[in-house]
Amino acid sequence: MTNVLTPSPERRQRAKLWGRYTAASVIAGVISELVFLLAYWFEAAPVVASVVAFVAGAVPNYLMNRRWAWRRTGRPHPVRETLPYAVIIVSTALVAILATTLADRWVVAHVDSHELQVFLVGAAFLGTYGVMFVLKFVLFDRLFAGRPARTPGPTSPA
């Protein structure tokens, strides 16, 4: 008789994947958020701050998710892997740009404190990535888990 409380090997693997994805996303999110707050603090427009923060977090996010979370090695296929990844993260960036621009317009009209403005617009930026977190997991899982990565060169049969 199997113990219903003991997860199957497949569930343990999925839990590990979720944990690695979460850790990679948190690291990339912290990088992006710090860059956003710094740029916005020095009065960069929300669009500029969002783009700079997006780029700062996108590269480590890609590398950590592809190699560490999904254990992908080899060169990525430019059309089947890199392009869909770019579409996913650029879409997230566009949502962040929209959210921070709207938040900026509101706080500039209603909040006098620069520190509070930075905090509130920074919260909008971070909230965007929080909302997209689960959706990106589902999309990345289909992207990275679906096909084997390309190998660096020809392989010989074993």
C-alpha atoms as a PDB file:
ATOM      1  CA  MET A   1       0.000   0.000   0.000  1.00  0.00           C
ATOM      2  CA  THR A   2       1.410   3.379  -1.004  1.00  0.00           C
ATOM      3  CA  ASN A   3       1.411   6.304   1.348  1.00  0.00           C
ATOM      4  CA  VAL A   4      -0.900   9.034   0.009  1.00  0.00           C
ATOM      5  CA  LEU A   5       1.261  11.668   1.695  1.00  0.00           C
ATOM      6  CA  THR A   6       4.406  10.642  -0.196  1.00  0.00           C
ATOM      7  CA  PRO A   7       4.635  12.531  -3.467  1.00  0.00           C
ATOM      8  CA  SER A   8       5.418  10.624  -6.632  1.00  0.00           C
ATOM      9  CA  PRO A   9       8.838  11.100  -8.251  1.00  0.00           C
ATOM     10  CA  GLU A  10       7.169  13.184 -10.959  1.00  0.00           C
ATOM     11  CA  ARG A  11       5.580  15.492  -8.362  1.00  0.00           C
ATOM     12  CA  ARG A  12       8.920  15.840  -6.565  1.00  0.00           C
ATOM     13  CA  GLN A  13      10.566  16.802  -9.881  1.00  0.00           C
ATOM     14  CA  ARG A  14       7.830  19.377 -10.585  1.00  0.00           C
ATOM     15  CA  ALA A  15       8.217  20.789  -7.065  1.00  0.00           C
ATOM     16  CA  LYS A  16      11.977  21.108  -7.582  1.00  0.00           C
ATOM     17  CA  LEU A  17      11.398  22.795 -10.937  1.00  0.00           C
ATOM     18  CA  TRP A  18       8.926  25.204  -9.357  1.00  0.00           C
ATOM     19  CA  GLY A  19      11.433  25.957  -6.594  1.00  0.00           C
ATOM     20  CA  ARG A  20      14.284  26.622  -9.037  1.00  0.00           C
ATOM     21  CA  TYR A  21      12.001  28.785 -11.216  1.00  0.00           C
ATOM     22  CA  THR A  22      10.836  30.712  -8.153  1.00  0.00           C
ATOM     23  CA  ALA A  23      14.403  31.289  -6.935  1.00  0.00           C
ATOM     24  CA  ALA A  24      15.565  32.427 -10.378  1.00  0.00           C
ATOM     25  CA  SER A  25      12.550  34.720 -10.713  1.00  0.00           C
ATOM     26  CA  VAL A  26      13.122  36.237  -7.276  1.00  0.00           C
ATOM     27  CA  ILE A  27      16.792  36.922  -8.057  1.00  0.00           C
ATOM     28  CA  ALA A  28      15.954  38.484 -11.439  1.00  0.00           C
ATOM     29  CA  GLY A  29      13.031  40.368  -9.884  1.00  0.00           C
ATOM     30  CA  VAL A  30      15.222  41.866  -7.157  1.00  0.00           C
ATOM     31  CA  ILE A  31      17.763  42.981  -9.765  1.00  0.00           C
ATOM     32  CA  SER A  32      15.030  44.536 -11.909  1.00  0.00           C
ATOM     33  CA  GLU A  33      13.300  46.203  -8.975  1.00  0.00           C
ATOM     34  CA  LEU A  34      16.518  47.740  -7.631  1.00  0.00           C
ATOM     35  CA  VAL A  35      17.451  49.072 -11.065  1.00  0.00           C
ATOM     36  CA  PHE A  36      13.916  50.443 -11.544  1.00  0.00           C
ATOM     37  CA  LEU A  37      13.907  52.175  -8.155  1.00  0.00           C
ATOM     38  CA  LEU A  38      17.338  53.675  -8.755  1.00  0.00           C
ATOM     39  CA  ALA A  39      16.460  54.950 -12.237  1.00  0.00           C
ATOM     40  CA  TYR A  40      13.070  56.284 -11.134  1.00  0.00           C
ATOM     41  CA  TRP A  41      14.598  57.876  -8.016  1.00  0.00           C
ATOM     42  CA  PHE A  42      16.864  59.894 -10.287  1.00  0.00           C
ATOM     43  CA  GLU A  43      13.757  60.980 -12.201  1.00  0.00           C
ATOM     44  CA  ALA A  44      13.976  58.776 -15.263  1.00  0.00           C
ATOM     45  CA  ALA A  45      10.636  58.572 -17.030  1.00  0.00           C
ATOM     46  CA  PRO A  46       8.687  55.405 -16.126  1.00  0.00           C
ATOM     47  CA  VAL A  47       9.214  54.054 -19.651  1.00  0.00           C
ATOM     48  CA  VAL A  48      12.982  54.509 -19.412  1.00  0.00           C
ATOM     49  CA  ALA A  49      13.192  53.123 -15.872  1.00  0.00           C
ATOM     50  CA  SER A  50      11.078  50.108 -16.864  1.00  0.00           C
ATOM     51  CA  VAL A  51      13.131  49.333 -19.974  1.00  0.00           C
ATOM     52  CA  VAL A  52      16.456  49.641 -18.160  1.00  0.00           C
ATOM     53  CA  ALA A  53      15.171  47.486 -15.293  1.00  0.00           C
ATOM     54  CA  PHE A  54      13.723  44.961 -17.720  1.00  0.00           C
ATOM     55  CA  VAL A  55      17.053  44.540 -19.518  1.00  0.00           C
ATOM     56  CA  ALA A  56      18.930  44.276 -16.218  1.00  0.00           C
ATOM     57  CA  GLY A  57      16.751  41.367 -15.075  1.00  0.00           C
ATOM     58  CA  ALA A  58      16.001  39.681 -18.417  1.00  0.00           C
ATOM     59  CA  VAL A  59      19.486  38.328 -19.088  1.00  0.00           C
ATOM     60  CA  PRO A  60      20.019  36.630 -15.709  1.00  0.00           C
ATOM     61  CA  ASN A  61      16.379  35.470 -15.782  1.00  0.00           C
ATOM     62  CA  TYR A  62      16.869  33.757 -19.141  1.00  0.00           C
ATOM     63  CA  LEU A  63      20.144  32.118 -18.153  1.00  0.00           C
ATOM     64  CA  MET A  64      18.907  30.929 -14.753  1.00  0.00           C
ATOM     65  CA  ASN A  65      15.570  29.648 -16.041  1.00  0.00           C
ATOM     66  CA  ARG A  66      16.953  27.900 -19.097  1.00  0.00           C
ATOM     67  CA  ARG A  67      20.039  26.321 -17.561  1.00  0.00           C
ATOM     68  CA  TRP A  68      19.224  25.974 -13.896  1.00  0.00           C
ATOM     69  CA  ALA A  69      15.459  25.630 -13.630  1.00  0.00           C
ATOM     70  CA  TRP A  70      14.753  23.609 -16.795  1.00  0.00           C
ATOM     71  CA  ARG A  71      18.278  22.116 -17.096  1.00  0.00           C
ATOM     72  CA  ARG A  72      18.601  23.067 -20.758  1.00  0.00           C
ATOM     73  CA  THR A  73      22.061  22.935 -22.302  1.00  0.00           C
ATOM     74  CA  GLY A  74      23.398  23.450 -25.772  1.00  0.00           C
ATOM     75  CA  ARG A  75      22.672  26.304 -28.086  1.00  0.00           C
ATOM     76  CA  PRO A  76      19.062  27.448 -28.075  1.00  0.00           C
ATOM     77  CA  HIS A  77      17.165  27.263 -31.334  1.00  0.00           C
ATOM     78  CA  PRO A  78      16.600  30.882 -32.395  1.00  0.00           C
ATOM     79  CA  VAL A  79      13.046  30.404 -33.668  1.00  0.00           C
ATOM     80  CA  ARG A  80      11.655  27.654 -31.442  1.00  0.00           C
ATOM     81  CA  GLU A  81      13.178  28.843 -28.157  1.00  0.00           C
ATOM     82  CA  THR A  82      14.793  32.284 -28.212  1.00  0.00           C
ATOM     83  CA  LEU A  83      12.070  34.092 -30.163  1.00  0.00           C
ATOM     84  CA  PRO A  84       9.147  32.813 -28.027  1.00  0.00           C
ATOM     85  CA  TYR A  85      11.133  33.632 -24.868  1.00  0.00           C
ATOM     86  CA  ALA A  86      11.700  37.168 -26.162  1.00  0.00           C
ATOM     87  CA  VAL A  87       7.983  37.565 -26.943  1.00  0.00           C
ATOM     88  CA  ILE A  88       7.056  36.427 -23.413  1.00  0.00           C
ATOM     89  CA  ILE A  89       9.428  38.759 -21.617  1.00  0.00           C
ATOM     90  CA  VAL A  90       8.862  41.729 -23.931  1.00  0.00           C
ATOM     91  CA  SER A  91       5.118  41.328 -23.301  1.00  0.00           C
ATOM     92  CA  THR A  92       5.828  41.416 -19.574  1.00  0.00           C
ATOM     93  CA  ALA A  93       7.948  44.537 -20.063  1.00  0.00           C
ATOM     94  CA  LEU A  94       5.159  46.247 -22.007  1.00  0.00           C
ATOM     95  CA  VAL A  95       2.686  45.488 -19.213  1.00  0.00           C
ATOM     96  CA  ALA A  96       5.211  46.900 -16.712  1.00  0.00           C
ATOM     97  CA  ILE A  97       5.667  50.031 -18.804  1.00  0.00           C
ATOM     98  CA  LEU A  98       1.909  50.549 -18.933  1.00  0.00           C
ATOM     99  CA  ALA A  99       1.491  49.942 -15.184  1.00  0.00           C
ATOM    100  CA  THR A 100       4.355  52.232 -14.171  1.00  0.00           C
ATOM    101  CA  THR A 101       3.287  54.984 -16.550  1.00  0.00           C
ATOM    102  CA  LEU A 102      -0.267  54.939 -15.180  1.00  0.00           C
ATOM    103  CA  ALA A 103       1.027  54.780 -11.592  1.00  0.00           C
ATOM    104  CA  ASP A 104       3.409  57.671 -12.288  1.00  0.00           C
ATOM    105  CA  ARG A 105       0.621  59.837 -13.658  1.00  0.00           C
ATOM    106  CA  TRP A 106      -1.491  59.167 -10.593  1.00  0.00           C
ATOM    107  CA  VAL A 107       1.240  59.726  -7.985  1.00  0.00           C
ATOM    108  CA  VAL A 108       2.534  62.904  -9.599  1.00  0.00           C
ATOM    109  CA  ALA A 109      -0.991  64.325  -9.450  1.00  0.00           C
ATOM    110  CA  HIS A 110      -1.784  63.110  -5.905  1.00  0.00           C
ATOM    111  CA  VAL A 111       1.420  62.584  -3.891  1.00  0.00           C
ATOM    112  CA  ASP A 112       3.894  65.329  -2.987  1.00  0.00           C
ATOM    113  CA  SER A 113       6.615  63.204  -1.389  1.00  0.00           C
ATOM    114  CA  HIS A 114       9.244  62.036  -3.879  1.00  0.00           C
ATOM    115  CA  GLU A 115      10.073  59.052  -1.655  1.00  0.00           C
ATOM    116  CA  LEU A 116       6.440  57.943  -1.576  1.00  0.00           C
ATOM    117  CA  GLN A 117       6.139  58.447  -5.336  1.00  0.00           C
ATOM    118  CA  VAL A 118       9.163  56.181  -5.884  1.00  0.00           C
ATOM    119  CA  PHE A 119       7.733  53.596  -3.498  1.00  0.00           C
ATOM    120  CA  LEU A 120       4.293  53.540  -5.144  1.00  0.00           C
ATOM    121  CA  VAL A 121       5.510  53.429  -8.736  1.00  0.00           C
ATOM    122  CA  GLY A 122       8.098  50.819  -7.718  1.00  0.00           C
ATOM    123  CA  ALA A 123       5.270  48.766  -6.214  1.00  0.00           C
ATOM    124  CA  ALA A 124       3.406  48.960  -9.530  1.00  0.00           C
ATOM    125  CA  PHE A 125       6.522  47.716 -11.338  1.00  0.00           C
ATOM    126  CA  LEU A 126       7.019  44.847  -8.905  1.00  0.00           C
ATOM    127  CA  GLY A 127       3.314  44.008  -8.912  1.00  0.00           C
ATOM    128  CA  THR A 128       3.394  43.546 -12.673  1.00  0.00           C
ATOM    129  CA  TYR A 129       6.095  40.928 -12.388  1.00  0.00           C
ATOM    130  CA  GLY A 130       4.246  39.266  -9.520  1.00  0.00           C
ATOM    131  CA  VAL A 131       1.077  38.989 -11.569  1.00  0.00           C
ATOM    132  CA  MET A 132       2.983  37.612 -14.577  1.00  0.00           C
ATOM    133  CA  PHE A 133       4.932  35.102 -12.440  1.00  0.00           C
ATOM    134  CA  VAL A 134       2.571  32.112 -12.803  1.00  0.00           C
ATOM    135  CA  LEU A 135       1.724  32.826 -16.428  1.00  0.00           C
ATOM    136  CA  LYS A 136       5.417  32.977 -17.312  1.00  0.00           C
ATOM    137  CA  PHE A 137       6.016  29.659 -15.532  1.00  0.00           C
ATOM    138  CA  VAL A 138       3.376  27.946 -17.661  1.00  0.00           C
ATOM    139  CA  LEU A 139       4.740  29.486 -20.856  1.00  0.00           C
ATOM    140  CA  PHE A 140       8.398  28.790 -20.005  1.00  0.00           C
ATOM    141  CA  ASP A 141       7.524  25.225 -19.065  1.00  0.00           C
ATOM    142  CA  ARG A 142       6.002  24.668 -22.503  1.00  0.00           C
ATOM    143  CA  LEU A 143       8.923  26.419 -24.143  1.00  0.00           C
ATOM    144  CA  PHE A 144      11.847  24.802 -22.335  1.00  0.00           C
ATOM    145  CA  ALA A 145      10.415  21.384 -21.503  1.00  0.00           C
ATOM    146  CA  GLY A 146       8.823  20.652 -24.871  1.00  0.00           C
ATOM    147  CA  ARG A 147      11.803  20.023 -27.140  1.00  0.00           C
ATOM    148  CA  PRO A 148      15.414  19.048 -26.636  1.00  0.00           C
ATOM    149  CA  ALA A 149      17.948  21.838 -27.019  1.00  0.00           C
ATOM    150  CA  ARG A 150      20.200  21.903 -30.020  1.00  0.00           C
ATOM    151  CA  THR A 151      23.560  20.315 -29.486  1.00  0.00           C
ATOM    152  CA  PRO A 152      26.756  22.299 -30.169  1.00  0.00           C
ATOM    153  CA  GLY A 153      27.772  19.999 -33.013  1.00  0.00           C
ATOM    154  CA  PRO A 154      27.117  16.635 -34.612  1.00  0.00           C
ATOM    155  CA  THR A 155      26.855  13.694 -32.290  1.00  0.00           C
ATOM    156  CA  SER A 156      27.945  10.176 -32.968  1.00  0.00           C
ATOM    157  CA  PRO A 157      25.631   7.235 -32.349  1.00  0.00           C
ATOM    158  CA  ALA A 158      26.467   5.300 -29.209  1.00  0.00           C
END
